[in-house]
Amino acid sequence: VIKNIDDNLLVSDILSSYQQVISTKSNEV
């Protein structure tokens, strides 16, 4: 579980990229 605790736009973009990659490897996201 990774949380963007300060609602930071950079962290949101990092998590978005991470989501795109991890979604192709796992359907538990």
PDB file of all heavy atoms in Angstrom:
ATOM      1  N   VAL A   1       0.860  -1.175   0.000  1.00  0.00           N
ATOM      2  CA  VAL A   1       0.000   0.000   0.000  1.00  0.00           C
ATOM      3  C   VAL A   1       0.901   1.231   0.000  1.00  0.00           C
ATOM      4  O   VAL A   1       1.709   1.417   0.905  1.00  0.00           O
ATOM      5  CB  VAL A   1      -0.926   0.030   1.239  1.00  0.00           C
ATOM      6  CG1 VAL A   1      -1.800   1.276   1.212  1.00  0.00           C
ATOM      7  CG2 VAL A   1      -1.774  -1.231   1.306  1.00  0.00           C
ATOM      8  N   ILE A   2       0.771   2.062  -1.020  1.00  0.00           N
ATOM      9  CA  ILE A   2       1.561   3.285  -1.147  1.00  0.00           C
ATOM     10  C   ILE A   2       0.582   4.454  -1.128  1.00  0.00           C
ATOM     11  O   ILE A   2      -0.330   4.508  -1.950  1.00  0.00           O
ATOM     12  CB  ILE A   2       2.382   3.299  -2.446  1.00  0.00           C
ATOM     13  CG1 ILE A   2       3.285   2.060  -2.520  1.00  0.00           C
ATOM     14  CG2 ILE A   2       3.213   4.578  -2.540  1.00  0.00           C
ATOM     15  CD1 ILE A   2       3.985   1.887  -3.851  1.00  0.00           C
ATOM     16  N   LYS A   3       0.801   5.389  -0.183  1.00  0.00           N
ATOM     17  CA  LYS A   3      -0.107   6.531  -0.043  1.00  0.00           C
ATOM     18  C   LYS A   3       0.614   7.848  -0.329  1.00  0.00           C
ATOM     19  O   LYS A   3       1.726   8.068   0.132  1.00  0.00           O
ATOM     20  CB  LYS A   3      -0.695   6.575   1.364  1.00  0.00           C
ATOM     21  CG  LYS A   3      -1.622   5.421   1.659  1.00  0.00           C
ATOM     22  CD  LYS A   3      -2.243   5.560   3.023  1.00  0.00           C
ATOM     23  CE  LYS A   3      -3.188   4.404   3.295  1.00  0.00           C
ATOM     24  NZ  LYS A   3      -3.793   4.523   4.636  1.00  0.00           N
ATOM     25  N   ASN A   4      -0.066   8.693  -1.041  1.00  0.00           N
ATOM     26  CA  ASN A   4       0.378  10.046  -1.362  1.00  0.00           C
ATOM     27  C   ASN A   4      -0.123  10.941  -0.229  1.00  0.00           C
ATOM     28  O   ASN A   4      -1.151  11.588  -0.342  1.00  0.00           O
ATOM     29  CB  ASN A   4      -0.214  10.448  -2.719  1.00  0.00           C
ATOM     30  CG  ASN A   4       0.206  11.803  -3.197  1.00  0.00           C
ATOM     31  OD1 ASN A   4       0.902  12.533  -2.511  1.00  0.00           O
ATOM     32  ND2 ASN A   4      -0.247  12.158  -4.384  1.00  0.00           N
ATOM     33  N   ILE A   5       0.606  10.970   0.885  1.00  0.00           N
ATOM     34  CA  ILE A   5       0.086  11.583   2.109  1.00  0.00           C
ATOM     35  C   ILE A   5      -0.087  13.092   2.037  1.00  0.00           C
ATOM     36  O   ILE A   5      -0.882  13.649   2.773  1.00  0.00           O
ATOM     37  CB  ILE A   5       0.936  11.190   3.339  1.00  0.00           C
ATOM     38  CG1 ILE A   5       2.401  11.564   3.149  1.00  0.00           C
ATOM     39  CG2 ILE A   5       0.772   9.724   3.649  1.00  0.00           C
ATOM     40  CD1 ILE A   5       3.268  11.293   4.364  1.00  0.00           C
ATOM     41  N   ASP A   6       0.640  13.773   1.158  1.00  0.00           N
ATOM     42  CA  ASP A   6       0.518  15.227   1.034  1.00  0.00           C
ATOM     43  C   ASP A   6      -0.209  15.654  -0.232  1.00  0.00           C
ATOM     44  O   ASP A   6      -0.166  16.833  -0.605  1.00  0.00           O
ATOM     45  CB  ASP A   6       1.911  15.877   1.078  1.00  0.00           C
ATOM     46  CG  ASP A   6       2.582  15.705   2.426  1.00  0.00           C
ATOM     47  OD1 ASP A   6       1.872  15.769   3.447  1.00  0.00           O
ATOM     48  OD2 ASP A   6       3.803  15.494   2.462  1.00  0.00           O
ATOM     49  N   ASP A   7      -0.866  14.696  -0.907  1.00  0.00           N
ATOM     50  CA  ASP A   7      -1.565  14.985  -2.168  1.00  0.00           C
ATOM     51  C   ASP A   7      -0.657  15.711  -3.147  1.00  0.00           C
ATOM     52  O   ASP A   7      -1.032  16.694  -3.783  1.00  0.00           O
ATOM     53  CB  ASP A   7      -2.841  15.789  -1.922  1.00  0.00           C
ATOM     54  CG  ASP A   7      -3.875  15.008  -1.138  1.00  0.00           C
ATOM     55  OD1 ASP A   7      -3.769  13.772  -1.079  1.00  0.00           O
ATOM     56  OD2 ASP A   7      -4.794  15.633  -0.580  1.00  0.00           O
ATOM     57  N   ASN A   8       0.559  15.229  -3.274  1.00  0.00           N
ATOM     58  CA  ASN A   8       1.577  15.829  -4.123  1.00  0.00           C
ATOM     59  C   ASN A   8       1.378  15.391  -5.567  1.00  0.00           C
ATOM     60  O   ASN A   8       1.195  14.200  -5.842  1.00  0.00           O
ATOM     61  CB  ASN A   8       2.956  15.403  -3.602  1.00  0.00           C
ATOM     62  CG  ASN A   8       4.079  16.029  -4.352  1.00  0.00           C
ATOM     63  OD1 ASN A   8       4.386  15.619  -5.462  1.00  0.00           O
ATOM     64  ND2 ASN A   8       4.711  17.022  -3.742  1.00  0.00           N
ATOM     65  N   LEU A   9       1.414  16.339  -6.495  1.00  0.00           N
ATOM     66  CA  LEU A   9       1.194  16.037  -7.907  1.00  0.00           C
ATOM     67  C   LEU A   9       2.293  15.132  -8.476  1.00  0.00           C
ATOM     68  O   LEU A   9       2.007  14.215  -9.244  1.00  0.00           O
ATOM     69  CB  LEU A   9       1.100  17.326  -8.720  1.00  0.00           C
ATOM     70  CG  LEU A   9       0.739  17.156 -10.191  1.00  0.00           C
ATOM     71  CD1 LEU A   9      -0.578  16.418 -10.356  1.00  0.00           C
ATOM     72  CD2 LEU A   9       0.665  18.510 -10.876  1.00  0.00           C
ATOM     73  N   LEU A  10       3.544  15.345  -8.097  1.00  0.00           N
ATOM     74  CA  LEU A  10       4.630  14.481  -8.555  1.00  0.00           C
ATOM     75  C   LEU A  10       4.386  13.047  -8.112  1.00  0.00           C
ATOM     76  O   LEU A  10       4.497  12.110  -8.913  1.00  0.00           O
ATOM     77  CB  LEU A  10       5.981  14.969  -8.019  1.00  0.00           C
ATOM     78  CG  LEU A  10       7.149  14.013  -8.284  1.00  0.00           C
ATOM     79  CD1 LEU A  10       7.569  14.058  -9.747  1.00  0.00           C
ATOM     80  CD2 LEU A  10       8.315  14.307  -7.377  1.00  0.00           C
ATOM     81  N   VAL A  11       4.041  12.864  -6.844  1.00  0.00           N
ATOM     82  CA  VAL A  11       3.779  11.514  -6.332  1.00  0.00           C
ATOM     83  C   VAL A  11       2.599  10.894  -7.070  1.00  0.00           C
ATOM     84  O   VAL A  11       2.619   9.718  -7.422  1.00  0.00           O
ATOM     85  CB  VAL A  11       3.546  11.522  -4.807  1.00  0.00           C
ATOM     86  CG1 VAL A  11       3.134  10.144  -4.304  1.00  0.00           C
ATOM     87  CG2 VAL A  11       4.808  11.997  -4.081  1.00  0.00           C
ATOM     88  N   SER A  12       1.580  11.686  -7.349  1.00  0.00           N
ATOM     89  CA  SER A  12       0.434  11.196  -8.109  1.00  0.00           C
ATOM     90  C   SER A  12       0.872  10.706  -9.489  1.00  0.00           C
ATOM     91  O   SER A  12       0.444   9.637  -9.945  1.00  0.00           O
ATOM     92  CB  SER A  12      -0.624  12.287  -8.249  1.00  0.00           C
ATOM     93  OG  SER A  12      -1.739  11.819  -8.972  1.00  0.00           O
ATOM     94  N   ASP A  13       1.744  11.453 -10.145  1.00  0.00           N
ATOM     95  CA  ASP A  13       2.240  11.052 -11.464  1.00  0.00           C
ATOM     96  C   ASP A  13       3.079   9.772 -11.373  1.00  0.00           C
ATOM     97  O   ASP A  13       2.999   8.901 -12.242  1.00  0.00           O
ATOM     98  CB  ASP A  13       3.055  12.173 -12.093  1.00  0.00           C
ATOM     99  CG  ASP A  13       2.198  13.365 -12.508  1.00  0.00           C
ATOM    100  OD1 ASP A  13       0.958  13.226 -12.543  1.00  0.00           O
ATOM    101  OD2 ASP A  13       2.771  14.427 -12.791  1.00  0.00           O
ATOM    102  N   ILE A  14       3.891   9.672 -10.322  1.00  0.00           N
ATOM    103  CA  ILE A  14       4.688   8.451 -10.115  1.00  0.00           C
ATOM    104  C   ILE A  14       3.754   7.259  -9.917  1.00  0.00           C
ATOM    105  O   ILE A  14       3.931   6.202 -10.532  1.00  0.00           O
ATOM    106  CB  ILE A  14       5.638   8.609  -8.911  1.00  0.00           C
ATOM    107  CG1 ILE A  14       6.726   9.645  -9.210  1.00  0.00           C
ATOM    108  CG2 ILE A  14       6.270   7.256  -8.542  1.00  0.00           C
ATOM    109  CD1 ILE A  14       7.532  10.067  -7.996  1.00  0.00           C
ATOM    110  N   LEU A  15       2.740   7.437  -9.083  1.00  0.00           N
ATOM    111  CA  LEU A  15       1.791   6.345  -8.829  1.00  0.00           C
ATOM    112  C   LEU A  15       0.992   5.995 -10.079  1.00  0.00           C
ATOM    113  O   LEU A  15       0.670   4.827 -10.307  1.00  0.00           O
ATOM    114  CB  LEU A  15       0.860   6.707  -7.673  1.00  0.00           C
ATOM    115  CG  LEU A  15       1.519   6.808  -6.295  1.00  0.00           C
ATOM    116  CD1 LEU A  15       0.499   7.240  -5.255  1.00  0.00           C
ATOM    117  CD2 LEU A  15       2.173   5.502  -5.904  1.00  0.00           C
ATOM    118  N   SER A  16       0.694   6.984 -10.897  1.00  0.00           N
ATOM    119  CA  SER A  16      -0.022   6.721 -12.144  1.00  0.00           C
ATOM    120  C   SER A  16       0.826   5.858 -13.082  1.00  0.00           C
ATOM    121  O   SER A  16       0.335   4.886 -13.666  1.00  0.00           O
ATOM    122  CB  SER A  16      -0.385   8.041 -12.822  1.00  0.00           C
ATOM    123  OG  SER A  16      -1.045   7.807 -14.037  1.00  0.00           O
ATOM    124  N   SER A  17       2.097   6.203 -13.217  1.00  0.00           N
ATOM    125  CA  SER A  17       3.006   5.387 -14.043  1.00  0.00           C
ATOM    126  C   SER A  17       3.138   3.992 -13.470  1.00  0.00           C
ATOM    127  O   SER A  17       3.127   2.996 -14.198  1.00  0.00           O
ATOM    128  CB  SER A  17       4.388   6.031 -14.113  1.00  0.00           C
ATOM    129  OG  SER A  17       4.341   7.195 -14.875  1.00  0.00           O
ATOM    130  N   TYR A  18       3.254   3.922 -12.162  1.00  0.00           N
ATOM    131  CA  TYR A  18       3.358   2.622 -11.484  1.00  0.00           C
ATOM    132  C   TYR A  18       2.104   1.792 -11.742  1.00  0.00           C
ATOM    133  O   TYR A  18       2.191   0.603 -12.044  1.00  0.00           O
ATOM    134  CB  TYR A  18       3.563   2.869  -9.986  1.00  0.00           C
ATOM    135  CG  TYR A  18       3.641   1.622  -9.154  1.00  0.00           C
ATOM    136  CD1 TYR A  18       4.656   0.692  -9.337  1.00  0.00           C
ATOM    137  CD2 TYR A  18       2.706   1.377  -8.162  1.00  0.00           C
ATOM    138  CE1 TYR A  18       4.734  -0.451  -8.560  1.00  0.00           C
ATOM    139  CE2 TYR A  18       2.779   0.245  -7.377  1.00  0.00           C
ATOM    140  CZ  TYR A  18       3.785  -0.658  -7.577  1.00  0.00           C
ATOM    141  OH  TYR A  18       3.853  -1.791  -6.799  1.00  0.00           O
ATOM    142  N   GLN A  19       0.947   2.424 -11.646  1.00  0.00           N
ATOM    143  CA  GLN A  19      -0.310   1.721 -11.888  1.00  0.00           C
ATOM    144  C   GLN A  19      -0.346   1.139 -13.296  1.00  0.00           C
ATOM    145  O   GLN A  19      -0.758   0.005 -13.504  1.00  0.00           O
ATOM    146  CB  GLN A  19      -1.494   2.658 -11.685  1.00  0.00           C
ATOM    147  CG  GLN A  19      -2.822   2.020 -12.051  1.00  0.00           C
ATOM    148  CD  GLN A  19      -3.935   3.022 -12.232  1.00  0.00           C
ATOM    149  OE1 GLN A  19      -3.717   4.229 -12.164  1.00  0.00           O
ATOM    150  NE2 GLN A  19      -5.124   2.527 -12.473  1.00  0.00           N
ATOM    151  N   GLN A  20       0.083   1.923 -14.294  1.00  0.00           N
ATOM    152  CA  GLN A  20       0.067   1.458 -15.672  1.00  0.00           C
ATOM    153  C   GLN A  20       0.934   0.219 -15.855  1.00  0.00           C
ATOM    154  O   GLN A  20       0.542  -0.724 -16.524  1.00  0.00           O
ATOM    155  CB  GLN A  20       0.527   2.571 -16.608  1.00  0.00           C
ATOM    156  CG  GLN A  20      -0.458   3.706 -16.709  1.00  0.00           C
ATOM    157  CD  GLN A  20       0.104   4.880 -17.487  1.00  0.00           C
ATOM    158  OE1 GLN A  20       1.194   4.838 -18.027  1.00  0.00           O
ATOM    159  NE2 GLN A  20      -0.655   5.966 -17.535  1.00  0.00           N
ATOM    160  N   VAL A  21       2.108   0.233 -15.237  1.00  0.00           N
ATOM    161  CA  VAL A  21       3.024  -0.904 -15.384  1.00  0.00           C
ATOM    162  C   VAL A  21       2.530  -2.108 -14.595  1.00  0.00           C
ATOM    163  O   VAL A  21       2.489  -3.224 -15.102  1.00  0.00           O
ATOM    164  CB  VAL A  21       4.456  -0.515 -14.944  1.00  0.00           C
ATOM    165  CG1 VAL A  21       5.361  -1.729 -14.906  1.00  0.00           C
ATOM    166  CG2 VAL A  21       5.022   0.547 -15.866  1.00  0.00           C
ATOM    167  N   ILE A  22       2.148  -1.884 -13.353  1.00  0.00           N
ATOM    168  CA  ILE A  22       1.769  -3.008 -12.487  1.00  0.00           C
ATOM    169  C   ILE A  22       0.459  -3.650 -12.940  1.00  0.00           C
ATOM    170  O   ILE A  22       0.254  -4.841 -12.757  1.00  0.00           O
ATOM    171  CB  ILE A  22       1.714  -2.572 -11.000  1.00  0.00           C
ATOM    172  CG1 ILE A  22       1.883  -3.767 -10.068  1.00  0.00           C
ATOM    173  CG2 ILE A  22       0.455  -1.829 -10.671  1.00  0.00           C
ATOM    174  CD1 ILE A  22       3.243  -4.329  -9.985  1.00  0.00           C
ATOM    175  N   SER A  23      -0.415  -2.875 -13.555  1.00  0.00           N
ATOM    176  CA  SER A  23      -1.694  -3.424 -14.023  1.00  0.00           C
ATOM    177  C   SER A  23      -1.497  -4.467 -15.111  1.00  0.00           C
ATOM    178  O   SER A  23      -2.311  -5.373 -15.261  1.00  0.00           O
ATOM    179  CB  SER A  23      -2.605  -2.313 -14.543  1.00  0.00           C
ATOM    180  OG  SER A  23      -3.002  -1.486 -13.484  1.00  0.00           O
ATOM    181  N   THR A  24      -0.411  -4.358 -15.859  1.00  0.00           N
ATOM    182  CA  THR A  24      -0.149  -5.355 -16.896  1.00  0.00           C
ATOM    183  C   THR A  24       0.402  -6.642 -16.299  1.00  0.00           C
ATOM    184  O   THR A  24       0.350  -7.684 -16.924  1.00  0.00           O
ATOM    185  CB  THR A  24       0.859  -4.825 -17.934  1.00  0.00           C
ATOM    186  OG1 THR A  24       2.105  -4.572 -17.300  1.00  0.00           O
ATOM    187  CG2 THR A  24       0.348  -3.578 -18.606  1.00  0.00           C
ATOM    188  N   LYS A  25       0.916  -6.578 -15.078  1.00  0.00           N
ATOM    189  CA  LYS A  25       1.524  -7.743 -14.446  1.00  0.00           C
ATOM    190  C   LYS A  25       0.613  -8.396 -13.416  1.00  0.00           C
ATOM    191  O   LYS A  25       0.830  -9.512 -13.017  1.00  0.00           O
ATOM    192  CB  LYS A  25       2.840  -7.355 -13.787  1.00  0.00           C
ATOM    193  CG  LYS A  25       3.823  -6.742 -14.765  1.00  0.00           C
ATOM    194  CD  LYS A  25       5.187  -6.649 -14.202  1.00  0.00           C
ATOM    195  CE  LYS A  25       6.172  -6.092 -15.196  1.00  0.00           C
ATOM    196  NZ  LYS A  25       6.300  -6.809 -16.423  1.00  0.00           N
ATOM    197  N   SER A  26      -0.382  -7.678 -12.939  1.00  0.00           N
ATOM    198  CA  SER A  26      -1.266  -8.191 -11.897  1.00  0.00           C
ATOM    199  C   SER A  26      -2.636  -7.561 -12.053  1.00  0.00           C
ATOM    200  O   SER A  26      -2.745  -6.391 -12.372  1.00  0.00           O
ATOM    201  CB  SER A  26      -0.693  -7.832 -10.515  1.00  0.00           C
ATOM    202  OG  SER A  26      -1.652  -8.034  -9.520  1.00  0.00           O
ATOM    203  N   ASN A  27      -3.679  -8.334 -11.818  1.00  0.00           N
ATOM    204  CA  ASN A  27      -4.997  -7.741 -11.885  1.00  0.00           C
ATOM    205  C   ASN A  27      -5.525  -7.409 -10.493  1.00  0.00           C
ATOM    206  O   ASN A  27      -6.675  -7.103 -10.329  1.00  0.00           O
ATOM    207  CB  ASN A  27      -5.996  -8.614 -12.652  1.00  0.00           C
ATOM    208  CG  ASN A  27      -5.742 -10.087 -12.494  1.00  0.00           C
ATOM    209  OD1 ASN A  27      -4.794 -10.498 -11.854  1.00  0.00           O
ATOM    210  ND2 ASN A  27      -6.595 -10.894 -13.074  1.00  0.00           N
ATOM    211  N   GLU A  28      -4.668  -7.437  -9.492  1.00  0.00           N
ATOM    212  CA  GLU A  28      -5.052  -7.105  -8.127  1.00  0.00           C
ATOM    213  C   GLU A  28      -4.497  -5.734  -7.765  1.00  0.00           C
ATOM    214  O   GLU A  28      -3.575  -5.595  -6.974  1.00  0.00           O
ATOM    215  CB  GLU A  28      -4.531  -8.167  -7.155  1.00  0.00           C
ATOM    216  CG  GLU A  28      -5.115  -9.547  -7.365  1.00  0.00           C
ATOM    217  CD  GLU A  28      -6.602  -9.612  -7.038  1.00  0.00           C
ATOM    218  OE1 GLU A  28      -7.055  -8.866  -6.154  1.00  0.00           O
ATOM    219  OE2 GLU A  28      -7.304 -10.400  -7.678  1.00  0.00           O
ATOM    220  N   VAL A  29      -5.040  -4.690  -8.385  1.00  0.00           N
ATOM    221  CA  VAL A  29      -4.583  -3.321  -8.155  1.00  0.00           C
ATOM    222  C   VAL A  29      -5.800  -2.465  -7.825  1.00  0.00           C
ATOM    223  O   VAL A  29      -6.804  -2.504  -8.516  1.00  0.00           O
ATOM    224  CB  VAL A  29      -3.870  -2.741  -9.399  1.00  0.00           C
ATOM    225  CG1 VAL A  29      -3.457  -1.304  -9.163  1.00  0.00           C
ATOM    226  CG2 VAL A  29      -2.676  -3.593  -9.779  1.00  0.00           C
TER     227      VAL A  29
END
